[in-house]
C-alpha atoms as a PDB file:
ATOM      1  CA  MET A   1       1.837  32.475  28.506  1.00  0.00           C
ATOM      2  CA  LEU A   2       3.221  30.293  25.761  1.00  0.00           C
ATOM      3  CA  GLY A   3       1.877  26.601  26.178  1.00  0.00           C
ATOM      4  CA  THR A   4      -1.282  27.541  28.521  1.00  0.00           C
ATOM      5  CA  ILE A   5      -4.212  25.711  27.495  1.00  0.00           C
ATOM      6  CA  ASP A   6      -7.785  26.854  27.629  1.00  0.00           C
ATOM      7  CA  LEU A   7      -9.976  25.605  30.386  1.00  0.00           C
ATOM      8  CA  ASN A   8     -13.572  25.606  31.056  1.00  0.00           C
ATOM      9  CA  ALA A   9     -15.060  26.772  34.380  1.00  0.00           C
ATOM     10  CA  ASP A  10     -15.187  23.291  35.973  1.00  0.00           C
ATOM     11  CA  GLU A  11     -11.585  22.736  35.091  1.00  0.00           C
ATOM     12  CA  ALA A  12     -10.386  26.086  36.063  1.00  0.00           C
ATOM     13  CA  VAL A  13     -12.056  25.555  39.318  1.00  0.00           C
ATOM     14  CA  LEU A  14      -9.975  22.225  39.884  1.00  0.00           C
ATOM     15  CA  LEU A  15      -6.753  23.891  38.697  1.00  0.00           C
ATOM     16  CA  GLY A  16      -7.371  26.543  41.365  1.00  0.00           C
ATOM     17  CA  ARG A  17      -6.991  23.953  44.054  1.00  0.00           C
ATOM     18  CA  ILE A  18      -3.745  22.767  42.583  1.00  0.00           C
ATOM     19  CA  ASN A  19      -0.546  24.217  44.200  1.00  0.00           C
ATOM     20  CA  PHE A  20       2.320  23.016  41.952  1.00  0.00           C
ATOM     21  CA  ASP A  21       5.294  24.225  44.130  1.00  0.00           C
ATOM     22  CA  SER A  22       3.874  23.346  47.694  1.00  0.00           C
ATOM     23  CA  ARG A  23       5.985  20.931  50.116  1.00  0.00           C
ATOM     24  CA  ASP A  24       3.103  20.989  52.771  1.00  0.00           C
ATOM     25  CA  HIS A  25       1.738  17.483  53.000  1.00  0.00           C
ATOM     26  CA  ASP A  26      -2.024  18.521  53.216  1.00  0.00           C
ATOM     27  CA  ALA A  27      -1.703  20.861  50.285  1.00  0.00           C
ATOM     28  CA  ILE A  28       0.176  18.110  48.039  1.00  0.00           C
ATOM     29  CA  LYS A  29      -2.614  15.624  48.956  1.00  0.00           C
ATOM     30  CA  GLN A  30      -5.126  18.453  48.117  1.00  0.00           C
ATOM     31  CA  SER A  31      -3.364  19.134  44.728  1.00  0.00           C
ATOM     32  CA  CYS A  32      -3.278  15.306  43.754  1.00  0.00           C
ATOM     33  CA  SER A  33      -6.955  14.975  44.467  1.00  0.00           C
ATOM     34  CA  ALA A  34      -7.680  17.784  42.068  1.00  0.00           C
ATOM     35  CA  SER A  35      -5.298  16.607  39.454  1.00  0.00           C
ATOM     36  CA  ALA A  36      -6.932  13.095  39.832  1.00  0.00           C
ATOM     37  CA  GLU A  37     -10.317  14.808  38.705  1.00  0.00           C
ATOM     38  CA  LEU A  38      -8.820  17.484  36.177  1.00  0.00           C
ATOM     39  CA  MET A  39      -6.667  15.134  34.135  1.00  0.00           C
ATOM     40  CA  PRO A  40      -9.488  12.822  32.943  1.00  0.00           C
ATOM     41  CA  LEU A  41     -11.517  15.839  31.863  1.00  0.00           C
ATOM     42  CA  LEU A  42      -8.661  17.438  29.874  1.00  0.00           C
ATOM     43  CA  LEU A  43      -8.130  14.051  28.261  1.00  0.00           C
ATOM     44  CA  ASP A  44     -11.910  13.469  27.318  1.00  0.00           C
ATOM     45  CA  ARG A  45     -11.983  16.659  25.540  1.00  0.00           C
ATOM     46  CA  ASN A  46      -8.486  16.593  23.990  1.00  0.00           C
ATOM     47  CA  ALA A  47      -7.494  19.672  25.586  1.00  0.00           C
ATOM     48  CA  ILE A  48      -3.755  18.860  25.971  1.00  0.00           C
ATOM     49  CA  PRO A  49      -1.870  19.360  22.607  1.00  0.00           C
ATOM     50  CA  ALA A  50      -0.485  16.030  21.288  1.00  0.00           C
ATOM     51  CA  GLU A  51       2.961  17.307  21.363  1.00  0.00           C
ATOM     52  CA  LEU A  52       2.782  18.135  25.008  1.00  0.00           C
ATOM     53  CA  LEU A  53       1.035  14.840  25.797  1.00  0.00           C
ATOM     54  CA  ALA A  54       3.679  13.087  23.857  1.00  0.00           C
ATOM     55  CA  TYR A  55       6.234  14.383  26.393  1.00  0.00           C
ATOM     56  CA  PHE A  56       4.594  12.033  28.954  1.00  0.00           C
ATOM     57  CA  THR A  57       3.622   8.926  26.629  1.00  0.00           C
ATOM     58  CA  ASP A  58       6.170   8.784  23.974  1.00  0.00           C
ATOM     59  CA  PRO A  59       9.505   6.840  24.756  1.00  0.00           C
ATOM     60  CA  GLY A  60      11.203   8.826  22.184  1.00  0.00           C
ATOM     61  CA  CYS A  61      10.600  11.971  24.552  1.00  0.00           C
ATOM     62  CA  PHE A  62      12.287  10.160  27.209  1.00  0.00           C
ATOM     63  CA  ASP A  63      14.895   7.324  27.009  1.00  0.00           C
ATOM     64  CA  GLY A  64      13.880   5.753  23.628  1.00  0.00           C
ATOM     65  CA  LYS A  65      12.906   2.458  25.609  1.00  0.00           C
ATOM     66  CA  ARG A  66      10.032   3.588  27.857  1.00  0.00           C
ATOM     67  CA  SER A  67       8.014   6.676  28.632  1.00  0.00           C
ATOM     68  CA  ARG A  68       7.553   8.403  31.443  1.00  0.00           C
ATOM     69  CA  LEU A  69       3.822   6.850  31.927  1.00  0.00           C
ATOM     70  CA  ASP A  70       5.738   3.294  31.489  1.00  0.00           C
ATOM     71  CA  VAL A  71       7.829   4.336  34.672  1.00  0.00           C
ATOM     72  CA  PHE A  72       4.828   5.111  36.724  1.00  0.00           C
ATOM     73  CA  GLU A  73       3.262   1.795  35.427  1.00  0.00           C
ATOM     74  CA  GLY A  74       6.609   0.056  35.984  1.00  0.00           C
ATOM     75  CA  ASN A  75       6.113   1.111  39.623  1.00  0.00           C
ATOM     76  CA  GLY A  76       2.607  -0.438  40.056  1.00  0.00           C
ATOM     77  CA  THR A  77       0.782   2.812  39.243  1.00  0.00           C
ATOM     78  CA  ARG A  78      -1.851   2.475  36.653  1.00  0.00           C
ATOM     79  CA  GLY A  79      -4.796   4.167  34.941  1.00  0.00           C
ATOM     80  CA  ASP A  80      -6.261   7.214  36.578  1.00  0.00           C
ATOM     81  CA  GLU A  81      -4.327   6.445  39.669  1.00  0.00           C
ATOM     82  CA  VAL A  82      -1.127   8.050  37.821  1.00  0.00           C
ATOM     83  CA  PHE A  83      -2.902  11.298  38.095  1.00  0.00           C
ATOM     84  CA  GLU A  84      -3.206  11.408  41.748  1.00  0.00           C
ATOM     85  CA  TYR A  85       0.462  10.574  42.348  1.00  0.00           C
ATOM     86  CA  PRO A  86       2.644  13.454  43.674  1.00  0.00           C
ATOM     87  CA  ASN A  87       5.170  13.122  40.985  1.00  0.00           C
ATOM     88  CA  PHE A  88       2.676  13.539  38.358  1.00  0.00           C
ATOM     89  CA  LEU A  89       1.958  17.140  39.245  1.00  0.00           C
ATOM     90  CA  LYS A  90       4.900  18.331  37.418  1.00  0.00           C
ATOM     91  CA  TYR A  91       3.665  16.822  34.169  1.00  0.00           C
ATOM     92  CA  LEU A  92       0.085  18.369  34.770  1.00  0.00           C
ATOM     93  CA  ARG A  93       1.910  21.810  35.164  1.00  0.00           C
ATOM     94  CA  TYR A  94       3.526  21.308  31.975  1.00  0.00           C
ATOM     95  CA  PHE A  95       0.306  20.054  29.959  1.00  0.00           C
ATOM     96  CA  VAL A  96      -1.635  23.149  31.521  1.00  0.00           C
ATOM     97  CA  HIS A  97       1.152  25.959  31.589  1.00  0.00           C
ATOM     98  CA  GLY A  98       3.746  24.703  29.253  1.00  0.00           C
ATOM     99  CA  SER A  99       7.612  25.064  29.813  1.00  0.00           C
ATOM    100  CA  LYS A 100       8.612  26.645  33.035  1.00  0.00           C
ATOM    101  CA  LEU A 101      11.120  29.107  31.533  1.00  0.00           C
ATOM    102  CA  PRO A 102      10.644  32.844  31.867  1.00  0.00           C
ATOM    103  CA  LEU A 103       8.341  34.437  29.439  1.00  0.00           C
ATOM    104  CA  LYS A 104      11.018  36.559  27.930  1.00  0.00           C
ATOM    105  CA  VAL A 105      13.183  33.253  27.137  1.00  0.00           C
ATOM    106  CA  GLN A 106      10.196  31.545  25.700  1.00  0.00           C
ATOM    107  CA  GLN A 107       9.500  34.380  23.416  1.00  0.00           C
ATOM    108  CA  VAL A 108      13.012  34.686  21.903  1.00  0.00           C
ATOM    109  CA  MET A 109      12.867  31.077  21.400  1.00  0.00           C
ATOM    110  CA  ARG A 110       9.671  31.019  19.772  1.00  0.00           C
ATOM    111  CA  ASP A 111      10.811  33.961  17.493  1.00  0.00           C
ATOM    112  CA  ALA A 112      14.079  31.975  16.529  1.00  0.00           C
ATOM    113  CA  VAL A 113      12.179  28.701  15.767  1.00  0.00           C
ATOM    114  CA  GLY A 114       9.477  30.448  13.866  1.00  0.00           C
ATOM    115  CA  ASP A 115       7.126  28.139  12.016  1.00  0.00           C
ATOM    116  CA  PRO A 116       8.100  24.745  12.734  1.00  0.00           C
ATOM    117  CA  ILE A 117       6.955  23.612   9.279  1.00  0.00           C
ATOM    118  CA  HIS A 118       9.881  25.598   7.781  1.00  0.00           C
ATOM    119  CA  PHE A 119      12.577  24.543  10.572  1.00  0.00           C
ATOM    120  CA  THR A 120      15.341  22.637   8.956  1.00  0.00           C
ATOM    121  CA  SER A 121      18.327  20.868  10.388  1.00  0.00           C
ATOM    122  CA  GLY A 122      20.360  24.063   9.538  1.00  0.00           C
ATOM    123  CA  ASP A 123      18.313  26.111  11.647  1.00  0.00           C
ATOM    124  CA  LEU A 124      18.873  23.789  14.639  1.00  0.00           C
ATOM    125  CA  GLU A 125      22.725  25.015  15.440  1.00  0.00           C
ATOM    126  CA  PRO A 126      21.503  28.773  15.835  1.00  0.00           C
ATOM    127  CA  VAL A 127      18.708  27.648  18.074  1.00  0.00           C
ATOM    128  CA  ARG A 128      21.169  25.756  20.286  1.00  0.00           C
ATOM    129  CA  VAL A 129      23.692  28.451  20.643  1.00  0.00           C
ATOM    130  CA  LEU A 130      20.865  30.969  21.434  1.00  0.00           C
ATOM    131  CA  ALA A 131      19.509  28.591  24.070  1.00  0.00           C
ATOM    132  CA  ARG A 132      23.011  28.336  25.487  1.00  0.00           C
ATOM    133  CA  GLN A 133      23.299  32.255  25.552  1.00  0.00           C
ATOM    134  CA  LEU A 134      19.870  32.466  27.215  1.00  0.00           C
ATOM    135  CA  VAL A 135      20.736  30.060  29.782  1.00  0.00           C
ATOM    136  CA  ARG A 136      23.862  32.158  30.823  1.00  0.00           C
ATOM    137  CA  GLN A 137      22.060  35.441  30.523  1.00  0.00           C
ATOM    138  CA  HIS A 138      19.100  34.514  32.757  1.00  0.00           C
ATOM    139  CA  ARG A 139      21.163  32.424  35.049  1.00  0.00           C
ATOM    140  CA  LEU A 140      19.070  29.342  34.423  1.00  0.00           C
ATOM    141  CA  GLY A 141      21.680  26.611  34.728  1.00  0.00           C
ATOM    142  CA  ALA A 142      21.930  23.314  33.197  1.00  0.00           C
ATOM    143  CA  GLU A 143      19.076  22.076  35.307  1.00  0.00           C
ATOM    144  CA  SER A 144      16.722  24.071  33.031  1.00  0.00           C
ATOM    145  CA  SER A 145      17.656  21.593  30.005  1.00  0.00           C
ATOM    146  CA  ASP A 146      14.230  19.665  30.423  1.00  0.00           C
ATOM    147  CA  ALA A 147      12.277  23.032  30.309  1.00  0.00           C
ATOM    148  CA  PHE A 148      13.967  23.819  27.265  1.00  0.00           C
ATOM    149  CA  PHE A 149      13.147  20.388  25.699  1.00  0.00           C
ATOM    150  CA  GLN A 150       9.757  20.813  26.724  1.00  0.00           C
ATOM    151  CA  LEU A 151       9.681  24.183  25.100  1.00  0.00           C
ATOM    152  CA  MET A 152      10.976  22.869  21.983  1.00  0.00           C
ATOM    153  CA  LEU A 153       8.128  20.162  21.715  1.00  0.00           C
ATOM    154  CA  ASP A 154       5.618  23.042  22.631  1.00  0.00           C
ATOM    155  CA  LEU A 155       6.983  24.929  19.602  1.00  0.00           C
ATOM    156  CA  GLY A 156       6.285  22.066  17.306  1.00  0.00           C
ATOM    157  CA  LEU A 157       9.891  20.658  16.904  1.00  0.00           C
ATOM    158  CA  SER A 158      10.643  16.969  16.805  1.00  0.00           C
ATOM    159  CA  ALA A 159      11.769  15.013  19.993  1.00  0.00           C
ATOM    160  CA  ASP A 160      15.016  14.501  18.315  1.00  0.00           C
ATOM    161  CA  GLN A 161      15.466  18.252  17.791  1.00  0.00           C
ATOM    162  CA  ALA A 162      14.363  19.125  21.213  1.00  0.00           C
ATOM    163  CA  HIS A 163      16.700  16.401  22.548  1.00  0.00           C
ATOM    164  CA  SER A 164      19.462  18.322  20.625  1.00  0.00           C
ATOM    165  CA  VAL A 165      18.651  21.555  22.435  1.00  0.00           C
ATOM    166  CA  ARG A 166      18.209  19.913  25.820  1.00  0.00           C
ATOM    167  CA  LYS A 167      21.814  18.315  25.353  1.00  0.00           C
ATOM    168  CA  THR A 168      23.166  21.721  24.636  1.00  0.00           C
ATOM    169  CA  VAL A 169      21.777  23.430  27.523  1.00  0.00           C
ATOM    170  CA  ALA A 170      22.827  20.735  29.798  1.00  0.00           C
ATOM    171  CA  THR A 171      26.295  21.245  29.157  1.00  0.00           C
ATOM    172  CA  VAL A 172      26.027  24.887  30.134  1.00  0.00           C
ATOM    173  CA  ARG A 173      28.257  25.584  33.297  1.00  0.00           C
END
């Protein structure tokens, strides 16, 4: 799977205790506890690629004024407490597994982007058109716009380029 990071044995055990999709109170509580243990381990060994971590820490990857981390801190959640908050689980899922898009969509987009070093502004429009086609073909809907944003970051595009793809996907009806 594109975006999946390598975990050591201890980290894999902790990840196995996390259910990213549960609505059960006890399962969420267990997942949050495991997240609070796992995240510091991942950060200590720099296991999360910088472009994925930027999705959470860089204001440019959110609204330009504050980061997603700033939102947690603005609500009074600070330091490692952030990692045990239920709303953090979706970010941890992205850090560990990458964008939550079908593998076929991820691969087609990876092929379209190619080596991000050689990706130019002229390449952006065809990628946006392709993203729109894939959303329709796979019936993903406009709500997949953030997952496309994440995928573009994962593929090495800039936040501005990723925002452009996100905006295109968000307009699909």
